[in-house]
């Protein structure tokens, strides 16, 4: 398997020595550094070099952002078109949201593209620049004062509001807002070693936890099948046996419906189709976790997201393919008489455990993914 690809985003000319040392550090770990000044980026002759850098971001697993004294080159319109600024408007509480209407450097645009694609960004700010930002924050409500101030950490004073504004954007994000200061490249290397080691340790813990959970679910499924056989064989009344069969048949469908807390009165009487039923209960979309950037190789991790109208969502342990089965089961379920539906759902409500399959998140899906998106290749890193 290929090594982890680390994109290093920063201005080049003023930080060339630091970038060179950081490149050696990343390569020494067995990872692949991706740097524009080392021809690691595929420069498409049919487009601007800025656009090529933005395209390369989506091929990487992590971004290391270095903020130094220079603003850098201003992004060309062609490159700006590659970032969805509207999708980035509400992910930070900064005073001035990111916009293509204000100057955006190519370094900043690379980071915005990474954030848009839920790629982890590790931000490092040179100490002088960081201190300048603190002074700027204390005085930003006094324009007349700022005009007379000189920030020694910056190359050009007129770029202060754009550099410090971008720092605010990162610092005030709901997730992924960690920022580190540095004076020398050794500081960056020490922090990355510690962070990446801890990240890998967390992955190992989650892997152990998922394995144990899968075993528990497999055991419960086996016990349920044994219990189902015993119950059905003990029922002599034909009508009762049919109801018992339906209780078994619609168990997973009930887990879905009860997990969404849909009123039983509605489920027992509605003639809505499956999709109409979901929409009537504020579910506007079903997304595959794999298509959202969460790639896993174990069945327990086959998940989907039910997106609600208010932006919050349910995380389910059902795969997207399972919803085709749910739709088919719902078609036969709604053909039953209201009383039969009621008996089935009341019974399953008592014995079902939808909590095993469902989890409701009050945050937005984008915010959740920015926390949970884990590069699969990191699991193989040493």
Protein backbone atom coordinates (compact mmCIF):
# COMPACT_ATOMS: atom_id res chain seq x y z
CA UNK A 1 0.00 0.00 0.00
CA UNK A 2 1.27 3.48 -0.84
CA UNK A 3 2.54 5.71 1.94
CA UNK A 4 0.60 8.53 3.52
CA UNK A 5 0.66 11.64 1.29
CA UNK A 6 1.35 14.86 3.21
CA UNK A 7 0.78 18.15 1.38
CA UNK A 8 2.91 20.98 2.75
CA UNK A 9 1.16 24.30 2.18
CA UNK A 10 3.08 27.54 2.69
CA UNK A 11 4.76 30.37 0.84
CA UNK A 12 7.92 29.03 -0.78
CA UNK A 13 10.58 31.70 -1.19
CA UNK A 14 10.80 32.86 2.44
CA UNK A 15 10.39 29.36 3.90
CA UNK A 16 12.48 27.36 1.44
CA UNK A 17 15.00 26.09 4.04
CA UNK A 18 12.24 25.11 6.47
CA UNK A 19 10.36 23.33 3.68
CA UNK A 20 13.47 21.41 2.69
CA UNK A 21 14.07 20.18 6.24
CA UNK A 22 10.40 19.33 6.70
CA UNK A 23 10.49 17.37 3.45
CA UNK A 24 13.34 15.23 4.77
CA UNK A 25 11.48 14.70 8.04
CA UNK A 26 8.28 13.49 6.32
CA UNK A 27 10.24 11.18 4.01
CA UNK A 28 12.17 9.74 6.99
CA UNK A 29 8.86 8.50 8.42
CA UNK A 30 8.12 6.60 5.22
CA UNK A 31 5.46 9.08 4.12
CA UNK A 32 5.30 10.94 0.82
CA UNK A 33 5.78 14.74 1.01
CA UNK A 34 3.90 16.70 -1.65
CA UNK A 35 5.40 20.13 -2.33
CA UNK A 36 4.84 22.45 -5.25
CA UNK A 37 8.48 23.61 -5.32
CA UNK A 38 9.74 20.01 -5.72
CA UNK A 39 7.61 19.15 -8.76
CA UNK A 40 5.44 16.79 -6.66
CA UNK A 41 2.35 18.48 -8.09
CA UNK A 42 1.08 17.46 -11.52
CA UNK A 43 1.07 20.73 -13.43
CA UNK A 44 -1.57 20.42 -16.11
CA UNK A 45 -0.40 22.47 -19.13
CA UNK A 46 -4.03 23.30 -19.90
CA UNK A 47 -4.58 25.23 -16.67
CA UNK A 48 -2.92 27.72 -14.32
CA UNK A 49 -0.38 26.39 -11.81
CA UNK A 50 -2.65 27.57 -8.98
CA UNK A 51 -5.40 25.28 -10.25
CA UNK A 52 -2.99 22.36 -10.43
CA UNK A 53 -2.07 22.87 -6.76
CA UNK A 54 -5.75 22.90 -5.77
CA UNK A 55 -6.39 19.70 -7.74
CA UNK A 56 -3.47 17.98 -6.02
CA UNK A 57 -4.94 18.61 -2.57
CA UNK A 58 -7.72 16.06 -3.14
CA UNK A 59 -5.11 13.34 -3.79
CA UNK A 60 -3.49 13.83 -0.38
CA UNK A 61 -4.32 12.49 3.08
CA UNK A 62 -3.21 15.39 5.28
CA UNK A 63 -2.10 18.99 4.99
CA UNK A 64 0.61 20.69 7.02
CA UNK A 65 0.02 24.45 6.88
CA UNK A 66 2.90 26.80 7.69
CA UNK A 67 1.97 30.47 8.22
CA UNK A 68 4.96 32.78 8.05
CA UNK A 69 5.56 36.49 7.36
CA UNK A 70 4.38 36.55 3.73
CA UNK A 71 0.84 36.55 2.32
CA UNK A 72 2.06 35.01 -0.93
CA UNK A 73 0.59 35.08 -4.40
CA UNK A 74 -3.04 36.00 -4.84
CA UNK A 75 -5.16 33.18 -6.29
CA UNK A 76 -6.29 33.51 -9.88
CA UNK A 77 -10.06 33.36 -10.67
CA UNK A 78 -9.68 29.94 -12.34
CA UNK A 79 -8.35 28.47 -9.10
CA UNK A 80 -10.98 30.24 -6.99
CA UNK A 81 -13.67 28.49 -9.03
CA UNK A 82 -12.40 25.13 -7.71
CA UNK A 83 -13.42 25.91 -4.11
CA UNK A 84 -17.03 25.96 -2.89
CA UNK A 85 -16.97 29.13 -0.80
CA UNK A 86 -20.68 28.86 0.02
CA UNK A 87 -20.07 25.52 1.76
CA UNK A 88 -17.41 27.14 3.95
CA UNK A 89 -19.46 30.09 5.19
CA UNK A 90 -20.82 28.59 8.40
CA UNK A 91 -17.94 26.45 9.63
CA UNK A 92 -16.21 29.27 11.53
CA UNK A 93 -17.33 32.03 13.89
CA UNK A 94 -14.77 34.52 12.57
CA UNK A 95 -15.88 38.12 12.02
CA UNK A 96 -15.17 38.07 8.27
CA UNK A 97 -16.08 34.73 6.61
CA UNK A 98 -13.87 33.50 3.78
CA UNK A 99 -14.96 34.84 0.42
CA UNK A 100 -13.63 35.16 -3.09
CA UNK A 101 -14.48 38.84 -2.86
CA UNK A 102 -11.47 39.47 -0.61
CA UNK A 103 -7.84 38.60 -1.46
CA UNK A 104 -7.17 34.88 -0.99
CA UNK A 105 -3.62 33.58 -1.35
CA UNK A 106 -2.88 30.32 -3.10
CA UNK A 107 -1.72 28.87 0.26
CA UNK A 108 -5.03 29.83 1.86
CA UNK A 109 -6.95 28.41 -1.09
CA UNK A 110 -5.14 25.07 -0.77
CA UNK A 111 -6.21 24.89 2.86
CA UNK A 112 -9.81 25.81 2.04
CA UNK A 113 -9.93 23.01 -0.52
CA UNK A 114 -8.61 20.57 2.10
CA UNK A 115 -11.27 21.68 4.60
CA UNK A 116 -13.98 21.38 1.96
CA UNK A 117 -12.88 17.76 1.37
CA UNK A 118 -12.59 16.91 5.09
CA UNK A 119 -8.81 16.47 4.88
CA UNK A 120 -7.10 17.06 8.26
CA UNK A 121 -5.03 20.26 8.43
CA UNK A 122 -2.21 20.76 10.96
CA UNK A 123 -1.60 24.50 11.32
CA UNK A 124 1.73 25.95 12.42
CA UNK A 125 2.24 29.70 12.90
CA UNK A 126 5.61 31.37 13.28
CA UNK A 127 5.81 32.83 16.80
CA UNK A 128 6.37 36.42 15.67
CA UNK A 129 3.32 36.20 13.43
CA UNK A 130 1.30 34.61 16.23
CA UNK A 131 2.18 37.45 18.62
CA UNK A 132 1.31 39.95 15.91
CA UNK A 133 -2.08 38.29 15.57
CA UNK A 134 -2.70 38.66 19.31
CA UNK A 135 -1.96 42.38 19.09
CA UNK A 136 -4.18 42.67 16.02
CA UNK A 137 -7.05 40.94 17.83
CA UNK A 138 -6.89 43.40 20.72
CA UNK A 139 -7.00 46.40 18.40
CA UNK A 140 -9.05 45.29 15.40
CA UNK A 141 -12.05 47.32 16.53
CA UNK A 142 -9.97 50.48 16.36
CA UNK A 143 -9.08 51.01 12.67
CA UNK A 144 -7.34 54.31 13.38
CA UNK A 145 -4.96 52.51 15.76
CA UNK A 146 -4.30 49.62 13.38
CA UNK A 147 -3.34 52.00 10.59
CA UNK A 148 -0.44 53.29 12.70
CA UNK A 149 0.71 49.91 13.98
CA UNK A 150 3.68 48.00 12.62
CA UNK A 151 3.70 44.21 12.94
CA UNK A 152 7.36 43.13 12.90
CA UNK A 153 6.46 39.54 12.06
CA UNK A 154 5.02 40.49 8.64
CA UNK A 155 6.81 41.31 5.41
CA UNK A 156 4.09 43.67 4.14
CA UNK A 157 1.91 45.53 6.64
CA UNK A 158 -0.99 45.88 4.19
CA UNK A 159 -1.46 42.08 4.25
CA UNK A 160 -1.99 41.98 8.03
CA UNK A 161 -5.79 41.84 7.92
CA UNK A 162 -5.75 39.02 5.36
CA UNK A 163 -3.18 36.88 7.19
CA UNK A 164 -4.66 37.49 10.64
CA UNK A 165 -8.20 37.13 9.30
CA UNK A 166 -7.35 33.67 7.96
CA UNK A 167 -5.81 32.69 11.29
CA UNK A 168 -9.12 33.69 12.89
CA UNK A 169 -11.01 31.57 10.37
CA UNK A 170 -9.01 28.48 11.37
CA UNK A 171 -8.93 29.28 15.09
CA UNK A 172 -12.70 29.77 15.33
CA UNK A 173 -13.76 26.69 13.34
CA UNK A 174 -16.09 24.33 15.21
CA UNK A 175 -13.70 21.43 14.58
CA UNK A 176 -10.15 20.93 13.37
CA UNK A 177 -9.15 24.30 14.83
CA UNK A 178 -5.90 23.29 16.51
CA UNK A 179 -3.01 25.73 16.00
CA UNK A 180 0.63 25.33 17.01
CA UNK A 181 3.37 27.93 17.32
CA UNK A 182 6.94 27.34 16.16
CA UNK A 183 10.30 29.05 16.10
CA UNK A 184 12.30 26.41 14.24
CA UNK A 185 11.57 23.34 12.15
CA UNK A 186 12.39 21.06 15.10
CA UNK A 187 9.31 22.41 16.88
CA UNK A 188 7.13 21.34 13.94
CA UNK A 189 8.73 17.91 13.74
CA UNK A 190 8.33 17.22 17.46
CA UNK A 191 4.67 18.21 17.43
CA UNK A 192 3.87 16.15 14.30
CA UNK A 193 5.58 13.08 15.77
CA UNK A 194 3.49 13.36 18.91
CA UNK A 195 0.22 14.11 17.08
CA UNK A 196 0.56 11.38 14.47
CA UNK A 197 1.59 8.81 17.05
CA UNK A 198 -1.45 9.67 19.19
CA UNK A 199 -3.68 9.55 16.11
CA UNK A 200 -2.44 6.06 15.24
CA UNK A 201 -2.94 4.95 18.85
CA UNK A 202 -6.55 6.15 18.68
CA UNK A 203 -7.11 4.16 15.49
CA UNK A 204 -5.81 0.99 17.14
CA UNK A 205 -8.17 1.54 20.08
CA UNK A 206 -11.16 2.07 17.76
CA UNK A 207 -10.22 -1.06 15.83
CA UNK A 208 -10.23 -3.15 19.01
CA UNK A 209 -13.53 -1.62 20.09
CA UNK A 210 -15.14 -2.30 16.69
CA UNK A 211 -13.97 -5.91 16.69
CA UNK A 212 -15.47 -6.52 20.14
CA UNK A 213 -18.73 -4.86 19.12
CA UNK A 214 -18.96 -6.97 15.97
CA UNK A 215 -18.55 -10.15 18.00
CA UNK A 216 -21.35 -9.08 20.35
CA UNK A 217 -23.69 -8.38 17.44
CA UNK A 218 -22.85 -11.69 15.76
CA UNK A 219 -23.61 -13.52 19.01
CA UNK A 220 -26.93 -11.71 19.46
CA UNK A 221 -27.91 -12.50 15.86
CA UNK A 222 -27.17 -16.19 16.38
CA UNK A 223 -29.16 -16.25 19.63
CA UNK A 224 -32.08 -14.52 17.92
CA UNK A 225 -32.21 -17.11 15.16
CA UNK A 226 -32.31 -19.91 17.74
CA UNK A 227 -35.06 -18.12 19.66
CA UNK A 228 -37.06 -17.50 16.47
CA UNK A 229 -37.01 -21.19 15.59
CA UNK A 230 -38.13 -22.18 19.09
CA UNK A 231 -41.00 -19.66 19.19
CA UNK A 232 -42.42 -20.45 15.75
CA UNK A 233 -42.37 -24.17 16.38
CA UNK A 234 -44.32 -23.72 19.63
CA UNK A 235 -47.24 -21.74 18.11
CA UNK A 236 -50.17 -23.85 16.91
CA UNK A 237 -52.68 -21.13 15.99
CA UNK A 238 -52.26 -20.21 12.29
CA UNK A 239 -53.07 -16.50 12.70
CA UNK A 240 -50.77 -16.14 15.68
CA UNK A 241 -47.99 -17.96 13.84
CA UNK A 242 -48.36 -15.56 10.91
CA UNK A 243 -48.09 -12.56 13.24
CA UNK A 244 -45.02 -14.13 14.82
CA UNK A 245 -43.47 -14.62 11.39
CA UNK A 246 -44.13 -10.96 10.57
CA UNK A 247 -42.56 -9.89 13.84
CA UNK A 248 -39.41 -11.71 12.76
CA UNK A 249 -39.66 -10.49 9.18
CA UNK A 250 -40.05 -6.81 10.01
CA UNK A 251 -37.61 -6.70 12.93
CA UNK A 252 -34.90 -4.76 11.04
CA UNK A 253 -37.47 -2.44 9.48
CA UNK A 254 -38.82 -1.73 12.96
CA UNK A 255 -35.29 -0.96 14.17
CA UNK A 256 -35.10 1.69 11.44
CA UNK A 257 -38.54 3.19 12.11
CA UNK A 258 -38.25 3.14 15.90
CA UNK A 259 -34.72 4.51 15.72
CA UNK A 260 -36.10 7.56 13.89
CA UNK A 261 -38.81 7.86 16.55
CA UNK A 262 -41.60 7.97 14.00
CA UNK A 263 -45.01 8.01 15.75
CA UNK A 264 -46.65 4.58 15.85
CA UNK A 265 -50.03 6.11 15.02
CA UNK A 266 -48.60 7.28 11.70
CA UNK A 267 -46.86 3.98 10.92
CA UNK A 268 -50.01 1.97 11.59
CA UNK A 269 -52.25 3.99 9.27
CA UNK A 270 -50.21 5.72 6.55
CA UNK A 271 -50.32 4.66 2.91
CA UNK A 272 -47.22 6.71 2.03
CA UNK A 273 -44.45 5.07 0.04
CA UNK A 274 -41.09 4.48 1.72
CA UNK A 275 -39.53 7.73 0.48
CA UNK A 276 -42.71 9.69 1.23
CA UNK A 277 -42.66 8.23 4.73
CA UNK A 278 -39.06 9.39 5.28
CA UNK A 279 -39.76 12.86 3.91
CA UNK A 280 -42.86 13.19 6.06
CA UNK A 281 -40.58 12.65 9.04
CA UNK A 282 -37.96 15.27 8.05
CA UNK A 283 -35.46 12.91 6.36
CA UNK A 284 -34.33 14.64 3.15
CA UNK A 285 -31.41 12.47 2.01
CA UNK A 286 -29.60 9.16 2.58
CA UNK A 287 -25.81 9.19 2.17
CA UNK A 288 -23.29 6.36 2.04
CA UNK A 289 -20.50 6.81 4.62
CA UNK A 290 -17.97 5.61 2.05
CA UNK A 291 -18.96 8.34 -0.38
CA UNK A 292 -18.54 10.87 2.42
CA UNK A 293 -14.89 9.92 2.86
CA UNK A 294 -15.21 7.34 5.65
CA UNK A 295 -13.60 4.23 4.18
CA UNK A 296 -13.59 1.07 6.30
CA UNK A 297 -13.03 -2.58 5.54
CA UNK A 298 -15.11 -4.18 8.27
CA UNK A 299 -18.87 -4.91 8.13
CA UNK A 300 -19.50 -3.08 11.40
CA UNK A 301 -18.29 0.10 9.76
CA UNK A 302 -20.71 -0.11 6.81
CA UNK A 303 -22.77 2.92 7.67
CA UNK A 304 -25.10 5.47 6.19
CA UNK A 305 -26.30 8.89 7.21
CA UNK A 306 -29.93 10.03 7.27
CA UNK A 307 -29.82 13.78 6.73
CA UNK A 308 -32.60 15.76 8.41
CA UNK A 309 -34.17 18.93 7.11
CA UNK A 310 -32.61 21.04 9.87
CA UNK A 311 -29.07 19.90 8.92
CA UNK A 312 -28.64 17.43 11.80
CA UNK A 313 -28.51 13.72 11.01
CA UNK A 314 -28.78 10.11 12.12
CA UNK A 315 -25.75 7.86 11.86
CA UNK A 316 -26.89 4.30 11.17
CA UNK A 317 -25.10 0.97 11.04
CA UNK A 318 -27.13 0.04 7.98
CA UNK A 319 -25.40 0.13 4.60
CA UNK A 320 -26.92 2.16 1.79
CA UNK A 321 -27.84 -1.11 0.02
CA UNK A 322 -29.93 -2.11 3.05
CA UNK A 323 -32.36 0.71 2.32
CA UNK A 324 -33.50 -1.04 -0.86
CA UNK A 325 -34.51 -3.98 1.35
CA UNK A 326 -36.21 -1.60 3.77
CA UNK A 327 -38.21 -0.07 0.90
CA UNK A 328 -39.37 -3.54 -0.20
CA UNK A 329 -40.27 -4.55 3.36
CA UNK A 330 -42.19 -1.30 3.83
CA UNK A 331 -44.30 -1.98 0.73
CA UNK A 332 -45.52 -5.30 2.17
CA UNK A 333 -45.75 -3.93 5.72
CA UNK A 334 -48.08 -1.08 4.71
CA UNK A 335 -50.33 -3.60 2.96
CA UNK A 336 -51.15 -5.13 6.36
CA UNK A 337 -54.20 -4.07 8.30
CA UNK A 338 -53.65 -1.24 10.83
CA UNK A 339 -54.30 -3.63 13.76
CA UNK A 340 -51.69 -6.09 12.49
CA UNK A 341 -49.16 -3.29 12.08
CA UNK A 342 -49.90 -2.11 15.60
CA UNK A 343 -49.37 -5.57 17.12
CA UNK A 344 -46.08 -6.04 15.25
CA UNK A 345 -44.69 -2.62 16.16
CA UNK A 346 -45.84 -2.76 19.78
CA UNK A 347 -44.16 -6.14 20.20
CA UNK A 348 -40.94 -5.06 18.53
CA UNK A 349 -40.92 -1.81 20.51
CA UNK A 350 -40.66 -3.91 23.67
CA UNK A 351 -37.88 -6.23 22.48
CA UNK A 352 -36.03 -4.15 19.88
CA UNK A 353 -32.80 -2.24 20.54
CA UNK A 354 -32.60 0.43 17.81
CA UNK A 355 -29.90 2.16 19.86
CA UNK A 356 -27.54 -0.54 18.55
CA UNK A 357 -28.13 0.68 15.02
CA UNK A 358 -28.84 4.37 15.42
CA UNK A 359 -27.18 7.46 16.78
CA UNK A 360 -28.57 10.96 16.48
CA UNK A 361 -26.15 13.88 16.02
CA UNK A 362 -27.22 17.44 16.80
CA UNK A 363 -24.27 18.82 14.81
CA UNK A 364 -24.12 19.13 11.02
CA UNK A 365 -22.77 16.30 8.91
CA UNK A 366 -19.88 18.47 7.65
CA UNK A 367 -18.80 19.20 11.22
CA UNK A 368 -18.97 15.50 12.11
CA UNK A 369 -16.98 14.41 9.07
CA UNK A 370 -14.24 16.93 9.75
CA UNK A 371 -13.74 15.17 13.10
CA UNK A 372 -14.10 11.58 11.93
CA UNK A 373 -12.47 11.57 8.50
CA UNK A 374 -9.45 9.30 9.05
CA UNK A 375 -7.08 8.52 6.18
CA UNK A 376 -7.20 4.76 5.72
CA UNK A 377 -3.56 4.65 4.81
CA UNK A 378 -2.59 5.96 8.21
CA UNK A 379 -3.56 2.60 9.66
CA UNK A 380 -0.59 1.11 7.82
CA UNK A 381 1.87 3.84 8.82
CA UNK A 382 4.63 3.05 11.25
